Amino acid sequence: MTLLELLETLGVKSKFVAIGYNGSVVDKGCLGEILIGDGDVLEVVKPVGGG
């Protein structure tokens, strides 16, 4: 499964998040190319507005 497929499965819109993969920030153009596997560390960061 790719990072993009995972985000789609979870209902996360990649346009509005930053993705960390094994300690590195992922360029959104590469989400469909990176295969995730056992032991990989993923971080999904979504900005929250407020005031």
Protein backbone atom coordinates (compact mmCIF):
# COMPACT_ATOMS: atom_id res chain seq x y z
CA MET A 1 0.00 0.00 0.00
CA THR A 2 1.30 3.48 -0.82
CA LEU A 3 1.08 6.52 1.42
CA LEU A 4 -1.53 7.98 -0.94
CA GLU A 5 -3.66 4.83 -0.78
CA LEU A 6 -3.48 4.87 3.02
CA LEU A 7 -4.59 8.50 3.21
CA GLU A 8 -7.48 7.80 0.83
CA THR A 9 -8.51 4.74 2.87
CA LEU A 10 -8.52 6.83 6.05
CA GLY A 11 -10.42 9.68 4.36
CA VAL A 12 -7.56 12.15 4.84
CA LYS A 13 -7.23 14.82 2.15
CA SER A 14 -3.52 15.06 1.36
CA LYS A 15 -3.96 18.69 0.29
CA PHE A 16 -4.48 19.74 3.91
CA VAL A 17 -1.82 17.72 5.76
CA ALA A 18 1.94 17.34 6.10
CA ILE A 19 3.27 13.78 6.11
CA GLY A 20 6.31 12.53 7.99
CA TYR A 21 7.71 9.17 6.91
CA ASN A 22 10.49 7.57 8.94
CA GLY A 23 11.67 10.97 10.16
CA SER A 24 11.53 12.84 6.84
CA VAL A 25 8.90 15.17 5.41
CA VAL A 26 7.35 13.72 2.25
CA ASP A 27 6.82 15.82 -0.88
CA LYS A 28 3.14 15.51 -1.82
CA GLY A 29 4.09 14.57 -5.37
CA CYS A 30 5.70 11.38 -4.04
CA LEU A 31 2.80 10.06 -1.95
CA GLY A 32 1.77 7.57 -4.63
CA GLU A 33 5.31 6.24 -5.00
CA ILE A 34 6.22 5.43 -1.40
CA LEU A 35 5.27 1.96 -0.22
CA ILE A 36 4.66 1.59 3.49
CA GLY A 37 5.67 -1.51 5.40
CA ASP A 38 5.96 -3.05 8.83
CA GLY A 39 7.99 -0.90 11.19
CA ASP A 40 7.62 2.34 9.21
CA VAL A 41 6.83 5.43 11.27
CA LEU A 42 4.17 7.77 9.86
CA GLU A 43 3.15 11.17 11.16
CA VAL A 44 0.16 13.06 9.78
CA VAL A 45 0.01 16.71 10.80
CA LYS A 46 -3.08 18.78 10.11
CA PRO A 47 -3.07 22.53 10.78
CA VAL A 48 -5.78 23.86 13.06
CA GLY A 49 -6.95 27.44 12.80
CA GLY A 50 -8.15 29.49 15.68
CA GLY A 51 -7.77 32.74 17.37
